[in-house]
Amino acid sequence: MSDSTIFDLMKTVPWVGGLIGIGLAALMLLVHVFFALGVLQDAETRLAAGQKVYFVKPWVWGGATLFGSVVVVTIYWMMHHCALLNTPRTPPST
């Protein structure tokens, strides 16, 4: 019995590599869409609850997330949900 890997299969059947690439691209697109829908829903929920959505409207945050994915989600989270940034500042005691 020979030890064959996916790379050996890709050498013998060239379209397998393309199929794997298409599958990974589809998976990445799905992740981008779900991130964008999640950010859009969160931003709209924040507005409905009377909270601020910083800089742009919810649909812009959703669109930016669709193209920027994890980077934009991280920026959105840091601006709207990060406890380190949202802690109230107390003036220094004198």
C-alpha atoms as a PDB file:
ATOM      1  CA  MET A   1       0.000   0.000   0.000  1.00  0.00           C
ATOM      2  CA  SER A   2       1.462   3.330  -0.998  1.00  0.00           C
ATOM      3  CA  ASP A   3       1.117   6.485   1.024  1.00  0.00           C
ATOM      4  CA  SER A   4      -0.564   8.937  -1.314  1.00  0.00           C
ATOM      5  CA  THR A   5      -1.253  12.519  -0.355  1.00  0.00           C
ATOM      6  CA  ILE A   6      -3.511  15.156  -1.781  1.00  0.00           C
ATOM      7  CA  PHE A   7      -0.485  16.518  -3.654  1.00  0.00           C
ATOM      8  CA  ASP A   8       0.007  13.195  -5.435  1.00  0.00           C
ATOM      9  CA  LEU A   9      -3.663  13.260  -6.408  1.00  0.00           C
ATOM     10  CA  MET A  10      -3.296  16.818  -7.694  1.00  0.00           C
ATOM     11  CA  LYS A  11      -0.382  15.732  -9.887  1.00  0.00           C
ATOM     12  CA  THR A  12      -2.300  12.871 -11.458  1.00  0.00           C
ATOM     13  CA  VAL A  13      -5.694  14.641 -11.714  1.00  0.00           C
ATOM     14  CA  PRO A  14      -5.022  18.349 -12.372  1.00  0.00           C
ATOM     15  CA  TRP A  15      -8.575  19.581 -11.858  1.00  0.00           C
ATOM     16  CA  VAL A  16      -8.532  18.460  -8.207  1.00  0.00           C
ATOM     17  CA  GLY A  17      -6.379  21.467  -7.290  1.00  0.00           C
ATOM     18  CA  GLY A  18      -8.832  23.810  -8.980  1.00  0.00           C
ATOM     19  CA  LEU A  19     -11.726  22.148  -7.219  1.00  0.00           C
ATOM     20  CA  ILE A  20     -10.022  22.564  -3.855  1.00  0.00           C
ATOM     21  CA  GLY A  21      -9.319  26.221  -4.657  1.00  0.00           C
ATOM     22  CA  ILE A  22     -12.912  26.869  -5.626  1.00  0.00           C
ATOM     23  CA  GLY A  23     -14.120  25.155  -2.463  1.00  0.00           C
ATOM     24  CA  LEU A  24     -11.841  27.267  -0.267  1.00  0.00           C
ATOM     25  CA  ALA A  25     -12.892  30.451  -2.077  1.00  0.00           C
ATOM     26  CA  ALA A  26     -16.564  29.572  -1.563  1.00  0.00           C
ATOM     27  CA  LEU A  27     -15.927  28.916   2.115  1.00  0.00           C
ATOM     28  CA  MET A  28     -14.141  32.260   2.499  1.00  0.00           C
ATOM     29  CA  LEU A  29     -16.970  34.063   0.723  1.00  0.00           C
ATOM     30  CA  LEU A  30     -19.469  32.439   3.073  1.00  0.00           C
ATOM     31  CA  VAL A  31     -17.450  33.543   6.106  1.00  0.00           C
ATOM     32  CA  HIS A  32     -17.297  37.121   4.766  1.00  0.00           C
ATOM     33  CA  VAL A  33     -21.055  37.181   4.176  1.00  0.00           C
ATOM     34  CA  PHE A  34     -21.854  35.855   7.661  1.00  0.00           C
ATOM     35  CA  PHE A  35     -19.464  38.351   9.292  1.00  0.00           C
ATOM     36  CA  ALA A  36     -21.068  41.180   7.295  1.00  0.00           C
ATOM     37  CA  LEU A  37     -24.612  40.109   8.213  1.00  0.00           C
ATOM     38  CA  GLY A  38     -23.624  39.816  11.875  1.00  0.00           C
ATOM     39  CA  VAL A  39     -22.077  43.280  11.984  1.00  0.00           C
ATOM     40  CA  LEU A  40     -25.038  44.758  10.096  1.00  0.00           C
ATOM     41  CA  GLN A  41     -27.524  43.190  12.497  1.00  0.00           C
ATOM     42  CA  ASP A  42     -25.523  44.266  15.541  1.00  0.00           C
ATOM     43  CA  ALA A  43     -25.225  47.850  14.295  1.00  0.00           C
ATOM     44  CA  GLU A  44     -28.954  48.052  13.538  1.00  0.00           C
ATOM     45  CA  THR A  45     -29.761  46.572  16.959  1.00  0.00           C
ATOM     46  CA  ARG A  46     -27.520  49.162  18.611  1.00  0.00           C
ATOM     47  CA  LEU A  47     -29.320  51.973  16.790  1.00  0.00           C
ATOM     48  CA  ALA A  48     -32.747  50.578  17.707  1.00  0.00           C
ATOM     49  CA  ALA A  49     -31.669  50.402  21.368  1.00  0.00           C
ATOM     50  CA  GLY A  50     -30.604  54.046  21.276  1.00  0.00           C
ATOM     51  CA  GLN A  51     -26.868  53.333  21.363  1.00  0.00           C
ATOM     52  CA  LYS A  52     -24.304  54.971  19.127  1.00  0.00           C
ATOM     53  CA  VAL A  53     -22.903  53.515  15.940  1.00  0.00           C
ATOM     54  CA  TYR A  54     -19.665  55.372  15.329  1.00  0.00           C
ATOM     55  CA  PHE A  55     -18.568  57.073  12.097  1.00  0.00           C
ATOM     56  CA  VAL A  56     -20.943  55.552   9.529  1.00  0.00           C
ATOM     57  CA  LYS A  57     -24.370  53.981   9.141  1.00  0.00           C
ATOM     58  CA  PRO A  58     -24.930  50.248   9.796  1.00  0.00           C
ATOM     59  CA  TRP A  59     -25.112  49.344   6.091  1.00  0.00           C
ATOM     60  CA  VAL A  60     -21.662  50.886   5.565  1.00  0.00           C
ATOM     61  CA  TRP A  61     -20.231  48.829   8.429  1.00  0.00           C
ATOM     62  CA  GLY A  62     -21.821  45.732   6.871  1.00  0.00           C
ATOM     63  CA  GLY A  63     -20.442  46.522   3.424  1.00  0.00           C
ATOM     64  CA  ALA A  64     -16.980  47.259   4.782  1.00  0.00           C
ATOM     65  CA  THR A  65     -17.055  43.956   6.651  1.00  0.00           C
ATOM     66  CA  LEU A  66     -18.024  42.128   3.476  1.00  0.00           C
ATOM     67  CA  PHE A  67     -14.780  43.271   1.853  1.00  0.00           C
ATOM     68  CA  GLY A  68     -12.506  43.633   4.884  1.00  0.00           C
ATOM     69  CA  SER A  69     -13.714  40.634   6.896  1.00  0.00           C
ATOM     70  CA  VAL A  70     -11.831  39.952  10.113  1.00  0.00           C
ATOM     71  CA  VAL A  71      -9.922  43.251  10.087  1.00  0.00           C
ATOM     72  CA  VAL A  72     -13.112  45.332   9.901  1.00  0.00           C
ATOM     73  CA  VAL A  73     -14.913  43.082  12.406  1.00  0.00           C
ATOM     74  CA  THR A  74     -12.047  43.652  14.836  1.00  0.00           C
ATOM     75  CA  ILE A  75     -12.197  47.425  14.354  1.00  0.00           C
ATOM     76  CA  TYR A  76     -15.998  47.409  14.766  1.00  0.00           C
ATOM     77  CA  TRP A  77     -15.753  45.276  17.908  1.00  0.00           C
ATOM     78  CA  MET A  78     -13.059  47.487  19.411  1.00  0.00           C
ATOM     79  CA  MET A  79     -15.104  50.618  18.746  1.00  0.00           C
ATOM     80  CA  HIS A  80     -18.465  49.295  19.919  1.00  0.00           C
ATOM     81  CA  HIS A  81     -17.965  46.373  22.319  1.00  0.00           C
ATOM     82  CA  CYS A  82     -14.456  46.324  23.768  1.00  0.00           C
ATOM     83  CA  ALA A  83     -14.647  46.832  27.535  1.00  0.00           C
ATOM     84  CA  LEU A  84     -11.159  48.330  27.569  1.00  0.00           C
ATOM     85  CA  LEU A  85     -12.237  51.203  25.349  1.00  0.00           C
ATOM     86  CA  ASN A  86     -15.709  51.676  26.845  1.00  0.00           C
ATOM     87  CA  THR A  87     -14.713  51.966  30.481  1.00  0.00           C
ATOM     88  CA  PRO A  88     -15.756  55.233  32.068  1.00  0.00           C
ATOM     89  CA  ARG A  89     -12.895  57.582  32.769  1.00  0.00           C
ATOM     90  CA  THR A  90     -12.716  58.973  36.251  1.00  0.00           C
ATOM     91  CA  PRO A  91     -10.901  62.206  36.830  1.00  0.00           C
ATOM     92  CA  PRO A  92      -7.785  61.925  38.961  1.00  0.00           C
ATOM     93  CA  SER A  93      -8.331  62.723  42.605  1.00  0.00           C
ATOM     94  CA  THR A  94      -6.642  65.850  43.887  1.00  0.00           C
END
